[in-house]
């Protein structure tokens, strides 16, 4: 999705810099609004997934802190591995969400240029 967004941002930048008739502007604006809706939906889904992984990471960290004295060797290792796996997934999700958020904000700017 990141590659598609980057390609569409390039396309939108080129389109907004061209001289267009009123009909062409209206067509480009309609197309841009459709794409914005697609990317907004993708952004919402990734926000929910990122939030879920962040909550699970924090809960696992608190569990480790609160119950570390009660966990046996293998249980402690399992929870630590689970925590680091969550972090390993959370970091790319945050990065991807940041890319989507920044891209959608730029699409808003391109839409505003067409007015």
Protein backbone atom coordinates (compact mmCIF):
# COMPACT_ATOMS: atom_id res chain seq x y z
CA UNK A 1 0.00 0.00 0.00
CA UNK A 2 2.90 2.35 0.68
CA UNK A 3 4.19 2.01 -2.87
CA UNK A 4 0.71 2.65 -4.28
CA UNK A 5 0.35 5.75 -2.13
CA UNK A 6 3.74 7.09 -3.22
CA UNK A 7 2.87 6.55 -6.88
CA UNK A 8 -0.48 8.27 -6.45
CA UNK A 9 1.13 11.18 -4.61
CA UNK A 10 3.53 11.64 -7.52
CA UNK A 11 0.63 11.49 -9.98
CA UNK A 12 -1.41 13.98 -7.93
CA UNK A 13 1.47 16.41 -7.67
CA UNK A 14 1.92 16.35 -11.44
CA UNK A 15 -1.81 16.80 -12.01
CA UNK A 16 -2.15 19.75 -9.63
CA UNK A 17 0.69 21.58 -11.36
CA UNK A 18 -0.89 21.28 -14.82
CA UNK A 19 -3.15 23.89 -16.34
CA UNK A 20 -6.67 22.42 -16.57
CA UNK A 21 -10.11 23.42 -17.65
CA UNK A 22 -12.92 23.51 -15.10
CA UNK A 23 -14.20 20.12 -16.32
CA UNK A 24 -10.77 18.53 -16.02
CA UNK A 25 -10.37 19.96 -12.52
CA UNK A 26 -13.76 18.54 -11.52
CA UNK A 27 -12.81 15.12 -12.88
CA UNK A 28 -9.44 15.14 -11.10
CA UNK A 29 -11.12 16.29 -7.86
CA UNK A 30 -13.65 13.42 -8.05
CA UNK A 31 -10.86 10.94 -8.70
CA UNK A 32 -8.81 12.39 -5.87
CA UNK A 33 -11.74 12.17 -3.43
CA UNK A 34 -12.26 8.50 -4.29
CA UNK A 35 -8.58 7.75 -3.69
CA UNK A 36 -8.62 9.75 -0.44
CA UNK A 37 -11.51 7.59 0.79
CA UNK A 38 -9.58 4.41 -0.04
CA UNK A 39 -6.47 5.62 1.74
CA UNK A 40 -8.51 6.89 4.72
CA UNK A 41 -10.04 3.44 5.10
CA UNK A 42 -6.61 1.84 4.95
CA UNK A 43 -5.35 4.36 7.50
CA UNK A 44 -8.24 3.55 9.86
CA UNK A 45 -7.59 -0.19 9.66
CA UNK A 46 -3.88 0.31 10.31
CA UNK A 47 -4.63 2.67 13.20
CA UNK A 48 -6.78 -0.03 14.82
CA UNK A 49 -4.16 -2.72 14.27
CA UNK A 50 -1.38 -0.46 15.56
CA UNK A 51 -3.44 0.47 18.61
CA UNK A 52 -4.18 -3.19 19.32
CA UNK A 53 -0.50 -4.14 19.13
CA UNK A 54 0.45 -1.16 21.30
CA UNK A 55 -2.11 -2.13 23.96
CA UNK A 56 -0.99 -5.76 23.89
CA UNK A 57 2.64 -4.67 24.21
CA UNK A 58 1.93 -2.45 27.20
CA UNK A 59 -0.20 -5.13 28.86
CA UNK A 60 2.53 -7.71 28.34
CA UNK A 61 5.14 -5.33 29.73
CA UNK A 62 3.02 -4.67 32.83
CA UNK A 63 2.45 -8.40 33.21
CA UNK A 64 6.21 -8.94 33.10
CA UNK A 65 6.80 -6.24 35.70
CA UNK A 66 4.01 -7.31 38.06
CA UNK A 67 4.39 -11.08 37.79
CA UNK A 68 8.10 -11.56 37.15
CA UNK A 69 8.65 -12.93 40.66
CA UNK A 70 5.84 -15.50 40.24
CA UNK A 71 6.84 -16.74 36.78
CA UNK A 72 9.05 -19.80 36.50
CA UNK A 73 12.01 -19.90 34.12
CA UNK A 74 10.20 -21.17 31.02
CA UNK A 75 7.11 -19.03 31.65
CA UNK A 76 9.21 -15.90 32.05
CA UNK A 77 11.12 -16.67 28.86
CA UNK A 78 7.86 -17.29 26.97
CA UNK A 79 6.36 -13.96 28.09
CA UNK A 80 9.61 -12.13 27.23
CA UNK A 81 9.66 -13.68 23.76
CA UNK A 82 6.00 -12.77 23.29
CA UNK A 83 6.74 -9.17 24.34
CA UNK A 84 9.65 -8.82 21.92
CA UNK A 85 7.62 -10.34 19.09
CA UNK A 86 4.89 -7.77 19.74
CA UNK A 87 7.47 -4.98 19.66
CA UNK A 88 8.99 -6.39 16.48
CA UNK A 89 5.56 -6.14 14.83
CA UNK A 90 4.58 -2.84 16.43
CA UNK A 91 7.51 -0.88 15.03
CA UNK A 92 6.72 -1.61 11.33
CA UNK A 93 3.02 -0.98 11.97
CA UNK A 94 3.79 2.46 13.44
CA UNK A 95 6.06 3.25 10.51
CA UNK A 96 3.45 2.17 7.96
CA UNK A 97 0.71 4.13 9.75
CA UNK A 98 2.95 7.21 9.74
CA UNK A 99 3.46 6.84 5.97
CA UNK A 100 -0.30 6.52 5.42
CA UNK A 101 -1.10 9.47 7.67
CA UNK A 102 1.46 11.75 6.03
CA UNK A 103 0.35 10.66 2.55
CA UNK A 104 -3.33 11.33 3.20
CA UNK A 105 -2.46 14.76 4.58
CA UNK A 106 -0.59 15.52 1.34
CA UNK A 107 -3.59 14.34 -0.69
CA UNK A 108 -5.71 16.86 1.24
CA UNK A 109 -3.27 19.58 0.21
CA UNK A 110 -3.50 18.54 -3.46
CA UNK A 111 -7.28 18.60 -3.21
CA UNK A 112 -7.14 22.12 -1.77
CA UNK A 113 -4.90 23.25 -4.65
CA UNK A 114 -7.61 22.23 -7.11
CA UNK A 115 -10.14 24.63 -5.57
